[in-house]
C-alpha atoms as a PDB file:
ATOM      1  CA  MET A   1       0.000   0.000   0.000  1.00  0.00           C
ATOM      2  CA  GLY A   2       1.452   3.374  -1.043  1.00  0.00           C
ATOM      3  CA  TYR A   3       1.556   6.559   1.010  1.00  0.00           C
ATOM      4  CA  ARG A   4      -1.464   8.046  -0.763  1.00  0.00           C
ATOM      5  CA  ASP A   5      -3.550   4.938  -0.187  1.00  0.00           C
ATOM      6  CA  ILE A   6      -2.583   4.921   3.483  1.00  0.00           C
ATOM      7  CA  ILE A   7      -3.405   8.563   4.226  1.00  0.00           C
ATOM      8  CA  GLU A   8      -6.654   8.364   2.235  1.00  0.00           C
ATOM      9  CA  ARG A   9      -7.638   5.334   4.318  1.00  0.00           C
ATOM     10  CA  ILE A  10      -6.747   7.094   7.569  1.00  0.00           C
ATOM     11  CA  TYR A  11      -8.546  10.277   6.551  1.00  0.00           C
ATOM     12  CA  SER A  12     -11.701   8.286   5.751  1.00  0.00           C
ATOM     13  CA  GLU A  13     -11.496   6.495   9.094  1.00  0.00           C
ATOM     14  CA  LEU A  14     -10.859   9.622  11.187  1.00  0.00           C
ATOM     15  CA  LYS A  15     -12.640  12.483   9.415  1.00  0.00           C
ATOM     16  CA  ASP A  16     -15.505  12.201  11.918  1.00  0.00           C
ATOM     17  CA  TYR A  17     -13.199  11.512  14.876  1.00  0.00           C
ATOM     18  CA  LYS A  18     -13.801  14.800  16.661  1.00  0.00           C
ATOM     19  CA  GLY A  19     -15.317  16.131  19.832  1.00  0.00           C
ATOM     20  CA  VAL A  20     -12.881  14.061  21.907  1.00  0.00           C
ATOM     21  CA  GLY A  21     -10.548  16.976  22.694  1.00  0.00           C
ATOM     22  CA  GLU A  22     -10.669  20.749  23.028  1.00  0.00           C
ATOM     23  CA  VAL A  23      -9.136  23.593  21.063  1.00  0.00           C
ATOM     24  CA  ALA A  24      -6.481  25.482  23.056  1.00  0.00           C
ATOM     25  CA  GLY A  25      -8.160  28.242  25.048  1.00  0.00           C
ATOM     26  CA  TYR A  26      -5.493  29.536  27.422  1.00  0.00           C
ATOM     27  CA  ILE A  27      -4.277  31.816  24.614  1.00  0.00           C
ATOM     28  CA  PRO A  28      -7.434  33.596  23.386  1.00  0.00           C
ATOM     29  CA  ALA A  29      -6.228  33.946  19.781  1.00  0.00           C
ATOM     30  CA  LEU A  30      -5.894  30.149  19.493  1.00  0.00           C
ATOM     31  CA  SER A  31      -9.476  29.476  20.571  1.00  0.00           C
ATOM     32  CA  ALA A  32     -10.759  30.692  17.191  1.00  0.00           C
ATOM     33  CA  ALA A  33      -9.412  27.594  15.399  1.00  0.00           C
ATOM     34  CA  ASN A  34     -11.984  25.434  13.599  1.00  0.00           C
ATOM     35  CA  PRO A  35     -12.152  22.172  15.603  1.00  0.00           C
ATOM     36  CA  ASP A  36     -13.256  20.272  12.475  1.00  0.00           C
ATOM     37  CA  SER A  37     -10.089  21.079  10.504  1.00  0.00           C
ATOM     38  CA  TYR A  38      -8.080  17.999   9.552  1.00  0.00           C
ATOM     39  CA  GLY A  39      -5.279  17.576   7.073  1.00  0.00           C
ATOM     40  CA  ILE A  40      -2.397  15.171   6.433  1.00  0.00           C
ATOM     41  CA  THR A  41       0.709  15.703   4.297  1.00  0.00           C
ATOM     42  CA  VAL A  42       3.529  13.264   3.592  1.00  0.00           C
ATOM     43  CA  ALA A  43       6.731  14.777   2.165  1.00  0.00           C
ATOM     44  CA  THR A  44       9.270  12.295   0.796  1.00  0.00           C
ATOM     45  CA  LEU A  45      12.985  12.628   0.125  1.00  0.00           C
ATOM     46  CA  GLU A  46      12.214  11.959  -3.542  1.00  0.00           C
ATOM     47  CA  GLY A  47      10.243  15.200  -3.741  1.00  0.00           C
ATOM     48  CA  ASP A  48       6.702  13.849  -3.508  1.00  0.00           C
ATOM     49  CA  LEU A  49       4.170  15.888  -1.538  1.00  0.00           C
ATOM     50  CA  ILE A  50       1.080  13.804  -0.846  1.00  0.00           C
ATOM     51  CA  SER A  51      -1.825  15.545   0.886  1.00  0.00           C
ATOM     52  CA  ILE A  52      -5.429  15.067   1.870  1.00  0.00           C
ATOM     53  CA  GLY A  53      -7.872  17.276   3.753  1.00  0.00           C
ATOM     54  CA  ASP A  54      -7.294  20.797   5.035  1.00  0.00           C
ATOM     55  CA  THR A  55      -3.585  20.920   4.253  1.00  0.00           C
ATOM     56  CA  SER A  56      -3.694  24.509   2.975  1.00  0.00           C
ATOM     57  CA  ASP A  57      -5.151  25.834   6.243  1.00  0.00           C
ATOM     58  CA  LYS A  58      -2.648  28.018   8.086  1.00  0.00           C
ATOM     59  CA  PHE A  59      -2.090  27.511  11.808  1.00  0.00           C
ATOM     60  CA  THR A  60       0.527  28.664  14.276  1.00  0.00           C
ATOM     61  CA  ILE A  61       3.054  25.934  14.889  1.00  0.00           C
ATOM     62  CA  GLN A  62       3.652  26.928  18.530  1.00  0.00           C
ATOM     63  CA  SER A  63       6.064  24.511  20.234  1.00  0.00           C
ATOM     64  CA  ILE A  64       7.034  22.839  16.965  1.00  0.00           C
ATOM     65  CA  SER A  65       9.102  25.996  16.438  1.00  0.00           C
ATOM     66  CA  LYS A  66      11.352  24.836  19.279  1.00  0.00           C
ATOM     67  CA  VAL A  67      12.966  22.341  16.898  1.00  0.00           C
ATOM     68  CA  PHE A  68      13.914  25.147  14.508  1.00  0.00           C
ATOM     69  CA  THR A  69      15.345  27.508  17.136  1.00  0.00           C
ATOM     70  CA  PHE A  70      17.201  24.681  18.867  1.00  0.00           C
ATOM     71  CA  THR A  71      18.752  23.738  15.511  1.00  0.00           C
ATOM     72  CA  MET A  72      19.794  27.365  14.980  1.00  0.00           C
ATOM     73  CA  VAL A  73      21.464  27.581  18.399  1.00  0.00           C
ATOM     74  CA  VAL A  74      23.234  24.212  18.164  1.00  0.00           C
ATOM     75  CA  ARG A  75      24.605  25.203  14.761  1.00  0.00           C
ATOM     76  CA  LEU A  76      26.566  28.054  16.390  1.00  0.00           C
ATOM     77  CA  LEU A  77      26.934  26.988  20.023  1.00  0.00           C
ATOM     78  CA  GLY A  78      27.494  23.247  19.589  1.00  0.00           C
ATOM     79  CA  GLU A  79      27.975  21.120  22.687  1.00  0.00           C
ATOM     80  CA  LYS A  80      28.090  24.186  24.938  1.00  0.00           C
ATOM     81  CA  ILE A  81      24.276  24.258  24.895  1.00  0.00           C
ATOM     82  CA  TRP A  82      24.328  21.340  27.347  1.00  0.00           C
ATOM     83  CA  ASP A  83      25.814  23.583  30.004  1.00  0.00           C
ATOM     84  CA  HIS A  84      22.444  25.331  30.098  1.00  0.00           C
ATOM     85  CA  VAL A  85      19.796  22.695  29.364  1.00  0.00           C
ATOM     86  CA  GLY A  86      19.496  18.939  29.821  1.00  0.00           C
ATOM     87  CA  ARG A  87      18.448  16.222  27.416  1.00  0.00           C
ATOM     88  CA  GLU A  88      16.259  13.942  29.518  1.00  0.00           C
ATOM     89  CA  PRO A  89      12.456  13.484  29.357  1.00  0.00           C
ATOM     90  CA  SER A  90      10.668  15.642  31.897  1.00  0.00           C
ATOM     91  CA  GLY A  91       7.623  13.598  32.841  1.00  0.00           C
ATOM     92  CA  ASN A  92       5.844  16.837  33.732  1.00  0.00           C
ATOM     93  CA  ALA A  93       3.606  19.273  31.872  1.00  0.00           C
ATOM     94  CA  PHE A  94       5.257  21.437  29.207  1.00  0.00           C
ATOM     95  CA  ASN A  95       4.938  24.608  31.332  1.00  0.00           C
ATOM     96  CA  SER A  96       5.768  23.109  34.726  1.00  0.00           C
ATOM     97  CA  LEU A  97       7.933  24.965  37.267  1.00  0.00           C
ATOM     98  CA  ILE A  98       8.343  22.007  39.620  1.00  0.00           C
ATOM     99  CA  GLN A  99      11.592  20.510  38.318  1.00  0.00           C
ATOM    100  CA  LEU A 100      13.364  23.843  37.940  1.00  0.00           C
ATOM    101  CA  GLU A 101      13.808  24.315  41.678  1.00  0.00           C
ATOM    102  CA  LEU A 102      14.900  20.730  42.212  1.00  0.00           C
ATOM    103  CA  GLU A 103      17.434  20.999  39.378  1.00  0.00           C
ATOM    104  CA  LYS A 104      18.658  24.522  40.190  1.00  0.00           C
ATOM    105  CA  GLY A 105      17.433  26.332  37.109  1.00  0.00           C
ATOM    106  CA  ILE A 106      18.667  23.846  34.475  1.00  0.00           C
ATOM    107  CA  PRO A 107      15.611  22.772  32.426  1.00  0.00           C
ATOM    108  CA  ARG A 108      15.278  19.060  31.800  1.00  0.00           C
ATOM    109  CA  ASN A 109      15.287  19.349  27.977  1.00  0.00           C
ATOM    110  CA  PRO A 110      15.022  21.991  25.215  1.00  0.00           C
ATOM    111  CA  PHE A 111      11.433  21.129  24.237  1.00  0.00           C
ATOM    112  CA  ILE A 112       9.627  21.918  27.462  1.00  0.00           C
ATOM    113  CA  ASN A 113       8.876  25.637  27.816  1.00  0.00           C
ATOM    114  CA  ALA A 114      11.618  26.255  30.364  1.00  0.00           C
ATOM    115  CA  GLY A 115      14.228  24.687  28.095  1.00  0.00           C
ATOM    116  CA  ALA A 116      12.952  26.512  25.023  1.00  0.00           C
ATOM    117  CA  LEU A 117      13.160  29.826  26.889  1.00  0.00           C
ATOM    118  CA  VAL A 118      16.808  29.123  27.707  1.00  0.00           C
ATOM    119  CA  VAL A 119      17.380  28.322  24.013  1.00  0.00           C
ATOM    120  CA  THR A 120      15.687  31.621  23.098  1.00  0.00           C
ATOM    121  CA  ASP A 121      18.045  33.445  25.461  1.00  0.00           C
ATOM    122  CA  LYS A 122      20.997  31.933  23.575  1.00  0.00           C
ATOM    123  CA  LEU A 123      19.369  32.758  20.238  1.00  0.00           C
ATOM    124  CA  ILE A 124      19.251  36.435  21.229  1.00  0.00           C
ATOM    125  CA  ASP A 125      22.965  36.280  22.078  1.00  0.00           C
ATOM    126  CA  LEU A 126      23.952  34.546  18.850  1.00  0.00           C
ATOM    127  CA  TYR A 127      21.854  36.338  16.231  1.00  0.00           C
ATOM    128  CA  GLU A 128      21.844  40.106  15.741  1.00  0.00           C
ATOM    129  CA  ASN A 129      18.210  40.121  14.560  1.00  0.00           C
ATOM    130  CA  PRO A 130      16.700  36.966  16.091  1.00  0.00           C
ATOM    131  CA  LEU A 131      13.178  37.365  14.682  1.00  0.00           C
ATOM    132  CA  GLU A 132      14.450  38.026  11.166  1.00  0.00           C
ATOM    133  CA  SER A 133      16.807  35.070  11.541  1.00  0.00           C
ATOM    134  CA  ILE A 134      13.981  32.770  12.643  1.00  0.00           C
ATOM    135  CA  LEU A 135      11.878  33.709   9.610  1.00  0.00           C
ATOM    136  CA  LYS A 136      14.864  33.235   7.320  1.00  0.00           C
ATOM    137  CA  GLU A 137      15.409  29.790   8.832  1.00  0.00           C
ATOM    138  CA  VAL A 138      11.858  28.542   8.257  1.00  0.00           C
ATOM    139  CA  ASN A 139      11.763  29.949   4.737  1.00  0.00           C
ATOM    140  CA  ASP A 140      15.128  28.298   4.014  1.00  0.00           C
ATOM    141  CA  LEU A 141      13.647  25.024   5.284  1.00  0.00           C
ATOM    142  CA  ASN A 142      10.906  25.353   2.669  1.00  0.00           C
ATOM    143  CA  CYS A 143      13.436  26.247  -0.040  1.00  0.00           C
ATOM    144  CA  HIS A 144      11.581  29.600  -0.316  1.00  0.00           C
ATOM    145  CA  LYS A 145       8.584  28.042  -2.082  1.00  0.00           C
ATOM    146  CA  SER A 146       6.228  30.197   0.000  1.00  0.00           C
ATOM    147  CA  ASN A 147       6.442  33.265   2.212  1.00  0.00           C
ATOM    148  CA  ILE A 148       6.152  32.110   5.802  1.00  0.00           C
ATOM    149  CA  GLU A 149       5.408  34.835   8.348  1.00  0.00           C
ATOM    150  CA  PHE A 150       4.540  35.360  11.993  1.00  0.00           C
ATOM    151  CA  ASP A 151       0.882  35.676  13.005  1.00  0.00           C
ATOM    152  CA  ASN A 152       1.049  39.038  14.727  1.00  0.00           C
ATOM    153  CA  ALA A 153      -2.343  38.709  16.447  1.00  0.00           C
ATOM    154  CA  VAL A 154      -1.398  35.374  18.003  1.00  0.00           C
ATOM    155  CA  ALA A 155       2.029  36.657  19.061  1.00  0.00           C
ATOM    156  CA  LEU A 156       0.531  39.695  20.806  1.00  0.00           C
ATOM    157  CA  SER A 157      -2.092  37.512  22.488  1.00  0.00           C
ATOM    158  CA  GLU A 158       0.634  35.196  23.766  1.00  0.00           C
ATOM    159  CA  ILE A 159       2.716  38.105  25.066  1.00  0.00           C
ATOM    160  CA  GLU A 160      -0.320  39.490  26.899  1.00  0.00           C
ATOM    161  CA  HIS A 161      -1.039  36.134  28.561  1.00  0.00           C
ATOM    162  CA  SER A 162       2.542  34.989  29.189  1.00  0.00           C
ATOM    163  CA  TYR A 163       2.371  35.041  32.988  1.00  0.00           C
ATOM    164  CA  ARG A 164       3.625  31.493  33.512  1.00  0.00           C
ATOM    165  CA  ASN A 165       6.358  31.734  30.880  1.00  0.00           C
ATOM    166  CA  LEU A 166       7.514  35.010  32.404  1.00  0.00           C
ATOM    167  CA  ALA A 167       7.614  33.285  35.789  1.00  0.00           C
ATOM    168  CA  LEU A 168       9.747  30.521  34.250  1.00  0.00           C
ATOM    169  CA  VAL A 169      12.186  33.045  32.770  1.00  0.00           C
ATOM    170  CA  ASN A 170      12.552  34.961  36.019  1.00  0.00           C
ATOM    171  CA  PHE A 171      12.979  31.773  38.012  1.00  0.00           C
ATOM    172  CA  ILE A 172      15.715  30.515  35.674  1.00  0.00           C
ATOM    173  CA  LYS A 173      17.353  33.953  35.687  1.00  0.00           C
ATOM    174  CA  SER A 174      17.508  33.827  39.483  1.00  0.00           C
ATOM    175  CA  TYR A 175      19.866  30.835  39.062  1.00  0.00           C
ATOM    176  CA  GLY A 176      22.016  32.708  36.543  1.00  0.00           C
ATOM    177  CA  ASN A 177      21.024  30.484  33.625  1.00  0.00           C
ATOM    178  CA  ILE A 178      19.438  33.294  31.607  1.00  0.00           C
ATOM    179  CA  LYS A 179      21.287  36.445  30.578  1.00  0.00           C
ATOM    180  CA  ASN A 180      18.896  38.660  28.624  1.00  0.00           C
ATOM    181  CA  ASP A 181      15.930  40.795  29.686  1.00  0.00           C
ATOM    182  CA  PRO A 182      12.958  38.525  30.499  1.00  0.00           C
ATOM    183  CA  HIS A 183      10.519  40.640  28.486  1.00  0.00           C
ATOM    184  CA  LYS A 184      12.795  40.480  25.422  1.00  0.00           C
ATOM    185  CA  ILE A 185      12.916  36.698  25.756  1.00  0.00           C
ATOM    186  CA  ILE A 186       9.130  36.453  26.080  1.00  0.00           C
ATOM    187  CA  GLU A 187       8.615  38.651  23.026  1.00  0.00           C
ATOM    188  CA  THR A 188      11.023  36.618  20.892  1.00  0.00           C
ATOM    189  CA  TYR A 189       9.610  33.314  22.137  1.00  0.00           C
ATOM    190  CA  SER A 190       5.994  34.400  21.541  1.00  0.00           C
ATOM    191  CA  TYR A 191       6.772  35.435  17.988  1.00  0.00           C
ATOM    192  CA  GLN A 192       8.616  32.203  17.217  1.00  0.00           C
ATOM    193  CA  CYS A 193       5.580  30.250  18.453  1.00  0.00           C
ATOM    194  CA  SER A 194       3.333  32.333  16.193  1.00  0.00           C
ATOM    195  CA  ILE A 195       5.004  31.149  12.960  1.00  0.00           C
ATOM    196  CA  SER A 196       2.096  30.428  10.619  1.00  0.00           C
ATOM    197  CA  MET A 197       2.364  27.408   8.328  1.00  0.00           C
ATOM    198  CA  ASN A 198       0.167  24.779   6.750  1.00  0.00           C
ATOM    199  CA  ALA A 199       0.641  21.011   6.830  1.00  0.00           C
ATOM    200  CA  LYS A 200       2.418  20.976   3.453  1.00  0.00           C
ATOM    201  CA  GLU A 201       4.959  23.552   4.566  1.00  0.00           C
ATOM    202  CA  LEU A 202       5.409  21.887   7.942  1.00  0.00           C
ATOM    203  CA  ALA A 203       6.093  18.439   6.492  1.00  0.00           C
ATOM    204  CA  SER A 204       8.563  19.894   3.978  1.00  0.00           C
ATOM    205  CA  SER A 205      10.383  21.863   6.671  1.00  0.00           C
ATOM    206  CA  PHE A 206      11.253  18.682   8.591  1.00  0.00           C
ATOM    207  CA  LEU A 207      12.788  16.812   5.659  1.00  0.00           C
ATOM    208  CA  PHE A 208      16.283  17.901   6.701  1.00  0.00           C
ATOM    209  CA  LEU A 209      15.898  15.666   9.752  1.00  0.00           C
ATOM    210  CA  ALA A 210      14.999  12.739   7.498  1.00  0.00           C
ATOM    211  CA  ASN A 211      18.040  13.398   5.331  1.00  0.00           C
ATOM    212  CA  GLY A 212      21.013  13.761   7.649  1.00  0.00           C
ATOM    213  CA  GLY A 213      20.683  17.537   8.013  1.00  0.00           C
ATOM    214  CA  VAL A 214      20.409  18.406   4.302  1.00  0.00           C
ATOM    215  CA  LEU A 215      17.293  19.622   2.483  1.00  0.00           C
ATOM    216  CA  PRO A 216      16.785  17.126  -0.354  1.00  0.00           C
ATOM    217  CA  GLU A 217      15.076  19.560  -2.737  1.00  0.00           C
ATOM    218  CA  CYS A 218      17.539  22.453  -2.744  1.00  0.00           C
ATOM    219  CA  GLY A 219      20.614  20.765  -1.248  1.00  0.00           C
ATOM    220  CA  LYS A 220      21.021  23.294   1.566  1.00  0.00           C
ATOM    221  CA  LYS A 221      22.863  21.964   4.600  1.00  0.00           C
ATOM    222  CA  ILE A 222      20.949  22.863   7.759  1.00  0.00           C
ATOM    223  CA  CYS A 223      23.018  20.954  10.294  1.00  0.00           C
ATOM    224  CA  GLU A 224      25.604  18.212  10.590  1.00  0.00           C
ATOM    225  CA  PRO A 225      24.440  14.569  10.293  1.00  0.00           C
ATOM    226  CA  ARG A 226      25.400  14.070  13.949  1.00  0.00           C
ATOM    227  CA  SER A 227      23.147  16.964  14.977  1.00  0.00           C
ATOM    228  CA  ALA A 228      20.246  15.629  12.886  1.00  0.00           C
ATOM    229  CA  LYS A 229      20.587  12.261  14.610  1.00  0.00           C
ATOM    230  CA  ARG A 230      20.580  13.874  18.037  1.00  0.00           C
ATOM    231  CA  ILE A 231      17.655  16.209  17.307  1.00  0.00           C
ATOM    232  CA  ASN A 232      15.641  13.195  16.157  1.00  0.00           C
ATOM    233  CA  ALA A 233      16.574  11.407  19.376  1.00  0.00           C
ATOM    234  CA  LEU A 234      15.415  14.387  21.445  1.00  0.00           C
ATOM    235  CA  MET A 235      12.130  14.522  19.548  1.00  0.00           C
ATOM    236  CA  LEU A 236      11.561  10.814  20.183  1.00  0.00           C
ATOM    237  CA  THR A 237      12.185  11.107  23.917  1.00  0.00           C
ATOM    238  CA  CYS A 238      10.953  14.661  24.643  1.00  0.00           C
ATOM    239  CA  GLY A 239       8.946  15.956  21.663  1.00  0.00           C
ATOM    240  CA  LEU A 240       5.459  15.399  23.102  1.00  0.00           C
ATOM    241  CA  TYR A 241       6.139  16.461  26.692  1.00  0.00           C
ATOM    242  CA  ASN A 242       4.771  14.098  29.319  1.00  0.00           C
ATOM    243  CA  GLU A 243       3.170  12.026  26.544  1.00  0.00           C
ATOM    244  CA  SER A 244       6.480  11.323  24.802  1.00  0.00           C
ATOM    245  CA  GLY A 245       6.762   7.768  26.093  1.00  0.00           C
ATOM    246  CA  ASP A 246       3.239   6.915  25.002  1.00  0.00           C
ATOM    247  CA  PHE A 247       3.864   8.517  21.592  1.00  0.00           C
ATOM    248  CA  ALA A 248       7.027   6.419  21.140  1.00  0.00           C
ATOM    249  CA  TYR A 249       5.039   3.332  22.151  1.00  0.00           C
ATOM    250  CA  ARG A 250       2.111   4.035  19.830  1.00  0.00           C
ATOM    251  CA  VAL A 251       3.788   5.742  16.857  1.00  0.00           C
ATOM    252  CA  GLY A 252       7.469   4.826  17.072  1.00  0.00           C
ATOM    253  CA  LEU A 253       8.830   7.945  15.363  1.00  0.00           C
ATOM    254  CA  PRO A 254      10.644  11.144  16.359  1.00  0.00           C
ATOM    255  CA  GLY A 255       7.912  13.782  16.571  1.00  0.00           C
ATOM    256  CA  LYS A 256       7.030  17.246  17.769  1.00  0.00           C
ATOM    257  CA  SER A 257       3.679  18.748  18.662  1.00  0.00           C
ATOM    258  CA  GLY A 258       2.279  22.213  19.233  1.00  0.00           C
ATOM    259  CA  VAL A 259      -0.853  23.522  20.955  1.00  0.00           C
ATOM    260  CA  GLY A 260      -1.917  25.074  17.642  1.00  0.00           C
ATOM    261  CA  GLY A 261      -2.981  21.550  16.618  1.00  0.00           C
ATOM    262  CA  GLY A 262      -0.002  20.548  14.508  1.00  0.00           C
ATOM    263  CA  VAL A 263       2.084  17.436  14.974  1.00  0.00           C
ATOM    264  CA  VAL A 264       4.964  16.328  12.760  1.00  0.00           C
ATOM    265  CA  ALA A 265       7.054  13.162  12.656  1.00  0.00           C
ATOM    266  CA  VAL A 266      10.047  11.829  10.745  1.00  0.00           C
ATOM    267  CA  ILE A 267      11.101   8.472   9.323  1.00  0.00           C
ATOM    268  CA  PRO A 268      14.863   8.957   8.826  1.00  0.00           C
ATOM    269  CA  GLY A 269      15.918   8.140   5.299  1.00  0.00           C
ATOM    270  CA  ARG A 270      12.343   8.227   4.045  1.00  0.00           C
ATOM    271  CA  LEU A 271       9.925  11.054   4.825  1.00  0.00           C
ATOM    272  CA  ALA A 272       8.321  13.602   7.101  1.00  0.00           C
ATOM    273  CA  ILE A 273       4.596  13.618   7.865  1.00  0.00           C
ATOM    274  CA  ALA A 274       2.557  16.508   9.278  1.00  0.00           C
ATOM    275  CA  VAL A 275      -0.994  16.452  10.607  1.00  0.00           C
ATOM    276  CA  TYR A 276      -3.213  19.385  11.502  1.00  0.00           C
ATOM    277  CA  SER A 277      -6.179  18.878  13.815  1.00  0.00           C
ATOM    278  CA  PRO A 278      -6.630  21.483  16.573  1.00  0.00           C
ATOM    279  CA  GLU A 279      -8.551  19.487  19.191  1.00  0.00           C
ATOM    280  CA  LEU A 280      -6.069  18.730  21.976  1.00  0.00           C
ATOM    281  CA  ASN A 281      -5.908  16.184  24.761  1.00  0.00           C
ATOM    282  CA  ALA A 282      -5.074  16.991  28.385  1.00  0.00           C
ATOM    283  CA  ASN A 283      -1.346  17.019  27.571  1.00  0.00           C
ATOM    284  CA  GLY A 284      -1.728  19.720  24.904  1.00  0.00           C
ATOM    285  CA  ASN A 285      -1.246  17.342  21.958  1.00  0.00           C
ATOM    286  CA  SER A 286      -3.515  16.866  18.938  1.00  0.00           C
ATOM    287  CA  VAL A 287      -5.852  13.932  19.624  1.00  0.00           C
ATOM    288  CA  ARG A 288      -6.546  13.148  15.987  1.00  0.00           C
ATOM    289  CA  GLY A 289      -2.965  13.941  15.021  1.00  0.00           C
ATOM    290  CA  ILE A 290      -1.547  11.255  17.303  1.00  0.00           C
ATOM    291  CA  GLU A 291      -4.187   8.752  16.224  1.00  0.00           C
ATOM    292  CA  THR A 292      -3.345   9.504  12.597  1.00  0.00           C
ATOM    293  CA  LEU A 293       0.354   8.913  13.115  1.00  0.00           C
ATOM    294  CA  GLU A 294      -0.240   5.688  15.030  1.00  0.00           C
ATOM    295  CA  ARG A 295      -2.320   4.329  12.173  1.00  0.00           C
ATOM    296  CA  PHE A 296       0.205   5.580   9.614  1.00  0.00           C
ATOM    297  CA  THR A 297       3.094   3.557  11.047  1.00  0.00           C
ATOM    298  CA  THR A 298       0.790   0.570  11.671  1.00  0.00           C
ATOM    299  CA  TYR A 299      -0.536   0.481   8.106  1.00  0.00           C
ATOM    300  CA  LEU A 300       2.896   1.244   6.635  1.00  0.00           C
ATOM    301  CA  GLY A 301       4.455  -1.439   8.799  1.00  0.00           C
ATOM    302  CA  GLU A 302       7.453   0.751   9.515  1.00  0.00           C
ATOM    303  CA  SER A 303       8.812   2.897  12.325  1.00  0.00           C
ATOM    304  CA  VAL A 304      12.254   3.495  13.791  1.00  0.00           C
ATOM    305  CA  PHE A 305      11.938   0.276  15.792  1.00  0.00           C
END
């Protein structure tokens, strides 16, 4: 069974699988998402882009952006990043403060909010115009086939309601693990989370992680093969927060989710797959997105295991 047959089968099975989660409401601008939206795109290393459903609908990628900014920082900082953030699963909610006190301001991994805020602090140090650099990065990842932008309304809404993230930044700063102004970090982080993409663009943007750090379409080197391997490993163990173990069990792929309803996964050497469905479970992950990816690897008969 080919990729198109598989995603058409899954789409038929799950198009009415809704009402089992809730659209994100803690950021008011996200609550306007259509809970019925559902789209799947498979992007292959051979250049095929196979889509079904609402794959042209734009959504903010939210925490999926953490993969891009982490890649940008590692490219320039290398192994020194591990002086500031760990690489172990957290087992707690993505915005938890609990572990930070126990671990003296060193976040457990770069994909929980605390870790991503530390990465953003380093991004501000390393790039003269961090927001411009982030947009350049995501457009490079799509080989400039489309013009990817921030969603200003979502970014401003996130900044206005960033009380917990601001608490995280200040708490980490009290341990000396953050250098820059907390409000500057929150602004940069909120804008990176507001990157607006569709499922086609999202799947394409992760192909470098399926191809040893190189974009197959335009040949641009994004990171070293060693870094691609390690980023995939981090996504497998930490990419879906305190649901990462269950995701590895059910899906068996490196993946990353966002509260905007997107979830993306990679089969190294083969493809990237992105799903958009904004109804979330209690862990902040797309209910239908995870179910889609579980069925995809089951029907394909392939995962990283």
